[in-house]
Amino acid sequence: EASRVWATKKYLPSILLGTGVLIGSSYVMALFLHRIY
């Protein structure tokens, strides 16, 4: 909902950056899974 996003707009850069870090961490662990199994 647009109203919820607007109410938390100052946190949006941190949320997007945190999501990027999570995706990168998942990729690193996927490499581990690929190499081991």
ModelCIF file with pLDDT and N, C-alpha, C, O atoms, coordinates in Angstrom:
data_MODEL
#
_entry.id   MODEL 
#
_entity.id                         1 
_entity.type                       polymer 
_entity.pdbx_number_of_molecules   1 
#
_entity_poly.entity_id                      1 
_entity_poly.type                           'polypeptide(L)' 
_entity_poly.nstd_linkage                   no 
_entity_poly.nstd_monomer                   no 
_entity_poly.pdbx_seq_one_letter_code       EASRVWATKKYLPSILLGTGVLIGSSYVMALFLHRIY 
_entity_poly.pdbx_seq_one_letter_code_can   EASRVWATKKYLPSILLGTGVLIGSSYVMALFLHRIY 
_entity_poly.pdbx_strand_id                 A 
#
loop_
_entity_poly_seq.entity_id 
_entity_poly_seq.num 
_entity_poly_seq.mon_id 
_entity_poly_seq.hetero 
1 1  GLU n 
1 2  ALA n 
1 3  SER n 
1 4  ARG n 
1 5  VAL n 
1 6  TRP n 
1 7  ALA n 
1 8  THR n 
1 9  LYS n 
1 10 LYS n 
1 11 TYR n 
1 12 LEU n 
1 13 PRO n 
1 14 SER n 
1 15 ILE n 
1 16 LEU n 
1 17 LEU n 
1 18 GLY n 
1 19 THR n 
1 20 GLY n 
1 21 VAL n 
1 22 LEU n 
1 23 ILE n 
1 24 GLY n 
1 25 SER n 
1 26 SER n 
1 27 TYR n 
1 28 VAL n 
1 29 MET n 
1 30 ALA n 
1 31 LEU n 
1 32 PHE n 
1 33 LEU n 
1 34 HIS n 
1 35 ARG n 
1 36 ILE n 
1 37 TYR n 
#
_struct_asym.id          A 
_struct_asym.entity_id   1 
#
loop_
_ma_qa_metric.id 
_ma_qa_metric.mode 
_ma_qa_metric.name 
_ma_qa_metric.software_group_id 
_ma_qa_metric.type 
1 global pLDDT . pLDDT 
2 local  pLDDT . pLDDT 
#
_ma_qa_metric_global.metric_id      1 
_ma_qa_metric_global.metric_value   85.27 
_ma_qa_metric_global.model_id       1 
_ma_qa_metric_global.ordinal_id     1 
#
loop_
_ma_qa_metric_local.label_asym_id 
_ma_qa_metric_local.label_comp_id 
_ma_qa_metric_local.label_seq_id 
_ma_qa_metric_local.metric_id 
_ma_qa_metric_local.metric_value 
_ma_qa_metric_local.model_id 
_ma_qa_metric_local.ordinal_id 
A GLU 1  2 75.00 1 1  
A ALA 2  2 75.00 1 2  
A SER 3  2 78.00 1 3  
A ARG 4  2 76.00 1 4  
A VAL 5  2 77.00 1 5  
A TRP 6  2 80.00 1 6  
A ALA 7  2 79.00 1 7  
A THR 8  2 81.00 1 8  
A LYS 9  2 84.00 1 9  
A LYS 10 2 86.00 1 10 
A TYR 11 2 85.00 1 11 
A LEU 12 2 86.00 1 12 
A PRO 13 2 89.00 1 13 
A SER 14 2 88.00 1 14 
A ILE 15 2 86.00 1 15 
A LEU 16 2 88.00 1 16 
A LEU 17 2 91.00 1 17 
A GLY 18 2 89.00 1 18 
A THR 19 2 88.00 1 19 
A GLY 20 2 91.00 1 20 
A VAL 21 2 91.00 1 21 
A LEU 22 2 89.00 1 22 
A ILE 23 2 90.00 1 23 
A GLY 24 2 91.00 1 24 
A SER 25 2 90.00 1 25 
A SER 26 2 89.00 1 26 
A TYR 27 2 89.00 1 27 
A VAL 28 2 89.00 1 28 
A MET 29 2 88.00 1 29 
A ALA 30 2 88.00 1 30 
A LEU 31 2 88.00 1 31 
A PHE 32 2 85.00 1 32 
A LEU 33 2 83.00 1 33 
A HIS 34 2 85.00 1 34 
A ARG 35 2 86.00 1 35 
A ILE 36 2 83.00 1 36 
A TYR 37 2 79.00 1 37 
#
loop_
_atom_site.group_PDB 
_atom_site.id 
_atom_site.type_symbol 
_atom_site.label_atom_id 
_atom_site.label_alt_id 
_atom_site.label_comp_id 
_atom_site.label_asym_id 
_atom_site.label_entity_id 
_atom_site.label_seq_id 
_atom_site.pdbx_PDB_ins_code 
_atom_site.Cartn_x 
_atom_site.Cartn_y 
_atom_site.Cartn_z 
_atom_site.occupancy 
_atom_site.B_iso_or_equiv 
_atom_site.pdbx_formal_charge 
_atom_site.auth_seq_id 
_atom_site.auth_comp_id 
_atom_site.auth_asym_id 
_atom_site.auth_atom_id 
_atom_site.pdbx_PDB_model_num 
ATOM 1   N N  . GLU A 1 1  ? 0.834  -1.190  0.000  1.00 75.00 ? 1  GLU A N  1 
ATOM 2   C CA . GLU A 1 1  ? 0.000  0.000   0.000  1.00 75.00 ? 1  GLU A CA 1 
ATOM 3   C C  . GLU A 1 1  ? 0.874  1.247   0.000  1.00 75.00 ? 1  GLU A C  1 
ATOM 4   O O  . GLU A 1 1  ? 1.854  1.322   0.741  1.00 75.00 ? 1  GLU A O  1 
ATOM 5   N N  . ALA A 1 2  ? 0.520  2.229   -0.832 1.00 75.00 ? 2  ALA A N  1 
ATOM 6   C CA . ALA A 1 2  ? 1.309  3.452   -0.958 1.00 75.00 ? 2  ALA A CA 1 
ATOM 7   C C  . ALA A 1 2  ? 1.417  4.192   0.376  1.00 75.00 ? 2  ALA A C  1 
ATOM 8   O O  . ALA A 1 2  ? 2.456  4.776   0.681  1.00 75.00 ? 2  ALA A O  1 
ATOM 9   N N  . SER A 1 3  ? 0.349  4.167   1.165  1.00 78.00 ? 3  SER A N  1 
ATOM 10  C CA . SER A 1 3  ? 0.357  4.894   2.439  1.00 78.00 ? 3  SER A CA 1 
ATOM 11  C C  . SER A 1 3  ? 1.390  4.323   3.407  1.00 78.00 ? 3  SER A C  1 
ATOM 12  O O  . SER A 1 3  ? 2.052  5.069   4.129  1.00 78.00 ? 3  SER A O  1 
ATOM 13  N N  . ARG A 1 4  ? 1.526  2.985   3.419  1.00 76.00 ? 4  ARG A N  1 
ATOM 14  C CA . ARG A 1 4  ? 2.509  2.359   4.303  1.00 76.00 ? 4  ARG A CA 1 
ATOM 15  C C  . ARG A 1 4  ? 3.936  2.705   3.859  1.00 76.00 ? 4  ARG A C  1 
ATOM 16  O O  . ARG A 1 4  ? 4.796  3.019   4.681  1.00 76.00 ? 4  ARG A O  1 
ATOM 17  N N  . VAL A 1 5  ? 4.164  2.642   2.553  1.00 77.00 ? 5  VAL A N  1 
ATOM 18  C CA . VAL A 1 5  ? 5.494  2.967   2.035  1.00 77.00 ? 5  VAL A CA 1 
ATOM 19  C C  . VAL A 1 5  ? 5.852  4.414   2.364  1.00 77.00 ? 5  VAL A C  1 
ATOM 20  O O  . VAL A 1 5  ? 6.976  4.702   2.777  1.00 77.00 ? 5  VAL A O  1 
ATOM 21  N N  . TRP A 1 6  ? 4.896  5.319   2.180  1.00 80.00 ? 6  TRP A N  1 
ATOM 22  C CA . TRP A 1 6  ? 5.159  6.731   2.441  1.00 80.00 ? 6  TRP A CA 1 
ATOM 23  C C  . TRP A 1 6  ? 5.458  6.974   3.923  1.00 80.00 ? 6  TRP A C  1 
ATOM 24  O O  . TRP A 1 6  ? 6.287  7.816   4.269  1.00 80.00 ? 6  TRP A O  1 
ATOM 25  N N  . ALA A 1 7  ? 4.771  6.224   4.794  1.00 79.00 ? 7  ALA A N  1 
ATOM 26  C CA . ALA A 1 7  ? 4.977  6.400   6.237  1.00 79.00 ? 7  ALA A CA 1 
ATOM 27  C C  . ALA A 1 7  ? 6.361  5.949   6.686  1.00 79.00 ? 7  ALA A C  1 
ATOM 28  O O  . ALA A 1 7  ? 6.824  6.357   7.751  1.00 79.00 ? 7  ALA A O  1 
ATOM 29  N N  . THR A 1 8  ? 7.020  5.124   5.903  1.00 81.00 ? 8  THR A N  1 
ATOM 30  C CA . THR A 1 8  ? 8.347  4.599   6.282  1.00 81.00 ? 8  THR A CA 1 
ATOM 31  C C  . THR A 1 8  ? 9.405  4.957   5.244  1.00 81.00 ? 8  THR A C  1 
ATOM 32  O O  . THR A 1 8  ? 10.399 4.247   5.094  1.00 81.00 ? 8  THR A O  1 
ATOM 33  N N  . LYS A 1 9  ? 9.187  6.065   4.524  1.00 84.00 ? 9  LYS A N  1 
ATOM 34  C CA . LYS A 1 9  ? 10.068 6.383   3.386  1.00 84.00 ? 9  LYS A CA 1 
ATOM 35  C C  . LYS A 1 9  ? 11.519 6.582   3.801  1.00 84.00 ? 9  LYS A C  1 
ATOM 36  O O  . LYS A 1 9  ? 12.420 6.307   3.008  1.00 84.00 ? 9  LYS A O  1 
ATOM 37  N N  . LYS A 1 10 ? 11.771 7.050   5.016  1.00 86.00 ? 10 LYS A N  1 
ATOM 38  C CA . LYS A 1 10 ? 13.162 7.303   5.413  1.00 86.00 ? 10 LYS A CA 1 
ATOM 39  C C  . LYS A 1 10 ? 13.951 6.006   5.606  1.00 86.00 ? 10 LYS A C  1 
ATOM 40  O O  . LYS A 1 10 ? 15.182 6.016   5.602  1.00 86.00 ? 10 LYS A O  1 
ATOM 41  N N  . TYR A 1 11 ? 13.227 4.878   5.777  1.00 85.00 ? 11 TYR A N  1 
ATOM 42  C CA . TYR A 1 11 ? 13.900 3.594   5.951  1.00 85.00 ? 11 TYR A CA 1 
ATOM 43  C C  . TYR A 1 11 ? 14.125 2.858   4.636  1.00 85.00 ? 11 TYR A C  1 
ATOM 44  O O  . TYR A 1 11 ? 14.827 1.847   4.615  1.00 85.00 ? 11 TYR A O  1 
ATOM 45  N N  . LEU A 1 12 ? 13.547 3.339   3.543  1.00 86.00 ? 12 LEU A N  1 
ATOM 46  C CA . LEU A 1 12 ? 13.575 2.590   2.285  1.00 86.00 ? 12 LEU A CA 1 
ATOM 47  C C  . LEU A 1 12 ? 14.989 2.277   1.803  1.00 86.00 ? 12 LEU A C  1 
ATOM 48  O O  . LEU A 1 12 ? 15.245 1.135   1.422  1.00 86.00 ? 12 LEU A O  1 
ATOM 49  N N  . PRO A 1 13 ? 15.935 3.248   1.798  1.00 89.00 ? 13 PRO A N  1 
ATOM 50  C CA . PRO A 1 13 ? 17.297 2.897   1.347  1.00 89.00 ? 13 PRO A CA 1 
ATOM 51  C C  . PRO A 1 13 ? 17.922 1.768   2.163  1.00 89.00 ? 13 PRO A C  1 
ATOM 52  O O  . PRO A 1 13 ? 18.578 0.886   1.608  1.00 89.00 ? 13 PRO A O  1 
ATOM 53  N N  . SER A 1 14 ? 17.720 1.795   3.478  1.00 88.00 ? 14 SER A N  1 
ATOM 54  C CA . SER A 1 14 ? 18.285 0.749   4.333  1.00 88.00 ? 14 SER A CA 1 
ATOM 55  C C  . SER A 1 14 ? 17.626 -0.607  4.056  1.00 88.00 ? 14 SER A C  1 
ATOM 56  O O  . SER A 1 14 ? 18.296 -1.640  4.048  1.00 88.00 ? 14 SER A O  1 
ATOM 57  N N  . ILE A 1 15 ? 16.319 -0.592  3.832  1.00 86.00 ? 15 ILE A N  1 
ATOM 58  C CA . ILE A 1 15 ? 15.616 -1.839  3.538  1.00 86.00 ? 15 ILE A CA 1 
ATOM 59  C C  . ILE A 1 15 ? 16.126 -2.445  2.239  1.00 86.00 ? 15 ILE A C  1 
ATOM 60  O O  . ILE A 1 15 ? 16.397 -3.643  2.168  1.00 86.00 ? 15 ILE A O  1 
ATOM 61  N N  . LEU A 1 16 ? 16.256 -1.605  1.203  1.00 88.00 ? 16 LEU A N  1 
ATOM 62  C CA . LEU A 1 16 ? 16.722 -2.093  -0.092 1.00 88.00 ? 16 LEU A CA 1 
ATOM 63  C C  . LEU A 1 16 ? 18.166 -2.576  -0.011 1.00 88.00 ? 16 LEU A C  1 
ATOM 64  O O  . LEU A 1 16 ? 18.517 -3.600  -0.595 1.00 88.00 ? 16 LEU A O  1 
ATOM 65  N N  . LEU A 1 17 ? 19.008 -1.828  0.722  1.00 91.00 ? 17 LEU A N  1 
ATOM 66  C CA . LEU A 1 17 ? 20.401 -2.251  0.892  1.00 91.00 ? 17 LEU A CA 1 
ATOM 67  C C  . LEU A 1 17 ? 20.469 -3.560  1.673  1.00 91.00 ? 17 LEU A C  1 
ATOM 68  O O  . LEU A 1 17 ? 21.237 -4.456  1.323  1.00 91.00 ? 17 LEU A O  1 
ATOM 69  N N  . GLY A 1 18 ? 19.672 -3.670  2.723  1.00 89.00 ? 18 GLY A N  1 
ATOM 70  C CA . GLY A 1 18 ? 19.654 -4.902  3.508  1.00 89.00 ? 18 GLY A CA 1 
ATOM 71  C C  . GLY A 1 18 ? 19.198 -6.091  2.688  1.00 89.00 ? 18 GLY A C  1 
ATOM 72  O O  . GLY A 1 18 ? 19.728 -7.193  2.837  1.00 89.00 ? 18 GLY A O  1 
ATOM 73  N N  . THR A 1 19 ? 18.209 -5.873  1.815  1.00 88.00 ? 19 THR A N  1 
ATOM 74  C CA . THR A 1 19 ? 17.752 -6.952  0.935  1.00 88.00 ? 19 THR A CA 1 
ATOM 75  C C  . THR A 1 19 ? 18.870 -7.387  -0.001 1.00 88.00 ? 19 THR A C  1 
ATOM 76  O O  . THR A 1 19 ? 19.050 -8.579  -0.251 1.00 88.00 ? 19 THR A O  1 
ATOM 77  N N  . GLY A 1 20 ? 19.629 -6.405  -0.525 1.00 91.00 ? 20 GLY A N  1 
ATOM 78  C CA . GLY A 1 20 ? 20.765 -6.734  -1.389 1.00 91.00 ? 20 GLY A CA 1 
ATOM 79  C C  . GLY A 1 20 ? 21.816 -7.556  -0.655 1.00 91.00 ? 20 GLY A C  1 
ATOM 80  O O  . GLY A 1 20 ? 22.381 -8.492  -1.221 1.00 91.00 ? 20 GLY A O  1 
ATOM 81  N N  . VAL A 1 21 ? 22.079 -7.209  0.605  1.00 91.00 ? 21 VAL A N  1 
ATOM 82  C CA . VAL A 1 21 ? 23.053 -7.967  1.403  1.00 91.00 ? 21 VAL A CA 1 
ATOM 83  C C  . VAL A 1 21 ? 22.555 -9.394  1.631  1.00 91.00 ? 21 VAL A C  1 
ATOM 84  O O  . VAL A 1 21 ? 23.336 -10.344 1.574  1.00 91.00 ? 21 VAL A O  1 
ATOM 85  N N  . LEU A 1 22 ? 21.259 -9.541  1.889  1.00 89.00 ? 22 LEU A N  1 
ATOM 86  C CA . LEU A 1 22 ? 20.692 -10.879 2.080  1.00 89.00 ? 22 LEU A CA 1 
ATOM 87  C C  . LEU A 1 22 ? 20.833 -11.738 0.827  1.00 89.00 ? 22 LEU A C  1 
ATOM 88  O O  . LEU A 1 22 ? 21.188 -12.915 0.906  1.00 89.00 ? 22 LEU A O  1 
ATOM 89  N N  . ILE A 1 23 ? 20.551 -11.133 -0.334 1.00 90.00 ? 23 ILE A N  1 
ATOM 90  C CA . ILE A 1 23 ? 20.670 -11.877 -1.590 1.00 90.00 ? 23 ILE A CA 1 
ATOM 91  C C  . ILE A 1 23 ? 22.124 -12.272 -1.832 1.00 90.00 ? 23 ILE A C  1 
ATOM 92  O O  . ILE A 1 23 ? 22.404 -13.397 -2.245 1.00 90.00 ? 23 ILE A O  1 
ATOM 93  N N  . GLY A 1 24 ? 23.062 -11.335 -1.571 1.00 91.00 ? 24 GLY A N  1 
ATOM 94  C CA . GLY A 1 24 ? 24.480 -11.653 -1.732 1.00 91.00 ? 24 GLY A CA 1 
ATOM 95  C C  . GLY A 1 24 ? 24.926 -12.761 -0.799 1.00 91.00 ? 24 GLY A C  1 
ATOM 96  O O  . GLY A 1 24 ? 25.693 -13.639 -1.195 1.00 91.00 ? 24 GLY A O  1 
ATOM 97  N N  . SER A 1 25 ? 24.446 -12.727 0.452  1.00 90.00 ? 25 SER A N  1 
ATOM 98  C CA . SER A 1 25 ? 24.795 -13.779 1.416  1.00 90.00 ? 25 SER A CA 1 
ATOM 99  C C  . SER A 1 25 ? 24.249 -15.132 0.963  1.00 90.00 ? 25 SER A C  1 
ATOM 100 O O  . SER A 1 25 ? 24.903 -16.162 1.126  1.00 90.00 ? 25 SER A O  1 
ATOM 101 N N  . SER A 1 26 ? 23.053 -15.118 0.397  1.00 89.00 ? 26 SER A N  1 
ATOM 102 C CA . SER A 1 26 ? 22.465 -16.360 -0.099 1.00 89.00 ? 26 SER A CA 1 
ATOM 103 C C  . SER A 1 26 ? 23.273 -16.930 -1.260 1.00 89.00 ? 26 SER A C  1 
ATOM 104 O O  . SER A 1 26 ? 23.425 -18.144 -1.388 1.00 89.00 ? 26 SER A O  1 
ATOM 105 N N  . TYR A 1 27 ? 23.784 -16.045 -2.097 1.00 89.00 ? 27 TYR A N  1 
ATOM 106 C CA . TYR A 1 27 ? 24.602 -16.501 -3.223 1.00 89.00 ? 27 TYR A CA 1 
ATOM 107 C C  . TYR A 1 27 ? 25.892 -17.157 -2.713 1.00 89.00 ? 27 TYR A C  1 
ATOM 108 O O  . TYR A 1 27 ? 26.315 -18.186 -3.240 1.00 89.00 ? 27 TYR A O  1 
ATOM 109 N N  . VAL A 1 28 ? 26.506 -16.567 -1.699 1.00 89.00 ? 28 VAL A N  1 
ATOM 110 C CA . VAL A 1 28 ? 27.738 -17.135 -1.122 1.00 89.00 ? 28 VAL A CA 1 
ATOM 111 C C  . VAL A 1 28 ? 27.453 -18.533 -0.567 1.00 89.00 ? 28 VAL A C  1 
ATOM 112 O O  . VAL A 1 28 ? 28.234 -19.459 -0.786 1.00 89.00 ? 28 VAL A O  1 
ATOM 113 N N  . MET A 1 29 ? 26.342 -18.684 0.147  1.00 88.00 ? 29 MET A N  1 
ATOM 114 C CA . MET A 1 29 ? 26.006 -19.986 0.703  1.00 88.00 ? 29 MET A CA 1 
ATOM 115 C C  . MET A 1 29 ? 25.619 -20.984 -0.393 1.00 88.00 ? 29 MET A C  1 
ATOM 116 O O  . MET A 1 29 ? 25.836 -22.187 -0.248 1.00 88.00 ? 29 MET A O  1 
ATOM 117 N N  . ALA A 1 30 ? 25.048 -20.480 -1.483 1.00 88.00 ? 30 ALA A N  1 
ATOM 118 C CA . ALA A 1 30 ? 24.735 -21.361 -2.616 1.00 88.00 ? 30 ALA A CA 1 
ATOM 119 C C  . ALA A 1 30 ? 26.012 -21.915 -3.239 1.00 88.00 ? 30 ALA A C  1 
ATOM 120 O O  . ALA A 1 30 ? 26.055 -23.074 -3.650 1.00 88.00 ? 30 ALA A O  1 
ATOM 121 N N  . LEU A 1 31 ? 27.052 -21.084 -3.308 1.00 88.00 ? 31 LEU A N  1 
ATOM 122 C CA . LEU A 1 31 ? 28.355 -21.559 -3.798 1.00 88.00 ? 31 LEU A CA 1 
ATOM 123 C C  . LEU A 1 31 ? 28.895 -22.672 -2.899 1.00 88.00 ? 31 LEU A C  1 
ATOM 124 O O  . LEU A 1 31 ? 29.443 -23.665 -3.377 1.00 88.00 ? 31 LEU A O  1 
ATOM 125 N N  . PHE A 1 32 ? 28.730 -22.486 -1.593 1.00 85.00 ? 32 PHE A N  1 
ATOM 126 C CA . PHE A 1 32 ? 29.151 -23.508 -0.633 1.00 85.00 ? 32 PHE A CA 1 
ATOM 127 C C  . PHE A 1 32 ? 28.408 -24.818 -0.901 1.00 85.00 ? 32 PHE A C  1 
ATOM 128 O O  . PHE A 1 32 ? 29.016 -25.888 -0.934 1.00 85.00 ? 32 PHE A O  1 
ATOM 129 N N  . LEU A 1 33 ? 27.102 -24.725 -1.089 1.00 83.00 ? 33 LEU A N  1 
ATOM 130 C CA . LEU A 1 33 ? 26.287 -25.914 -1.345 1.00 83.00 ? 33 LEU A CA 1 
ATOM 131 C C  . LEU A 1 33 ? 26.696 -26.574 -2.662 1.00 83.00 ? 33 LEU A C  1 
ATOM 132 O O  . LEU A 1 33 ? 26.743 -27.800 -2.762 1.00 83.00 ? 33 LEU A O  1 
ATOM 133 N N  . HIS A 1 34 ? 26.988 -25.761 -3.657 1.00 85.00 ? 34 HIS A N  1 
ATOM 134 C CA . HIS A 1 34 ? 27.407 -26.271 -4.964 1.00 85.00 ? 34 HIS A CA 1 
ATOM 135 C C  . HIS A 1 34 ? 28.737 -27.017 -4.867 1.00 85.00 ? 34 HIS A C  1 
ATOM 136 O O  . HIS A 1 34 ? 28.906 -28.085 -5.456 1.00 85.00 ? 34 HIS A O  1 
ATOM 137 N N  . ARG A 1 35 ? 29.676 -26.442 -4.118 1.00 86.00 ? 35 ARG A N  1 
ATOM 138 C CA . ARG A 1 35 ? 31.012 -27.063 -4.003 1.00 86.00 ? 35 ARG A CA 1 
ATOM 139 C C  . ARG A 1 35 ? 30.976 -28.335 -3.160 1.00 86.00 ? 35 ARG A C  1 
ATOM 140 O O  . ARG A 1 35 ? 31.657 -29.308 -3.485 1.00 86.00 ? 35 ARG A O  1 
ATOM 141 N N  . ILE A 1 36 ? 30.193 -28.342 -2.086 1.00 83.00 ? 36 ILE A N  1 
ATOM 142 C CA . ILE A 1 36 ? 30.201 -29.477 -1.162 1.00 83.00 ? 36 ILE A CA 1 
ATOM 143 C C  . ILE A 1 36 ? 29.376 -30.654 -1.695 1.00 83.00 ? 36 ILE A C  1 
ATOM 144 O O  . ILE A 1 36 ? 29.821 -31.800 -1.640 1.00 83.00 ? 36 ILE A O  1 
ATOM 145 N N  . TYR A 1 37 ? 28.180 -30.371 -2.208 1.00 79.00 ? 37 TYR A N  1 
ATOM 146 C CA . TYR A 1 37 ? 27.261 -31.435 -2.591 1.00 79.00 ? 37 TYR A CA 1 
ATOM 147 C C  . TYR A 1 37 ? 27.059 -31.555 -4.099 1.00 79.00 ? 37 TYR A C  1 
ATOM 148 O O  . TYR A 1 37 ? 26.306 -32.416 -4.554 1.00 79.00 ? 37 TYR A O  1 
#
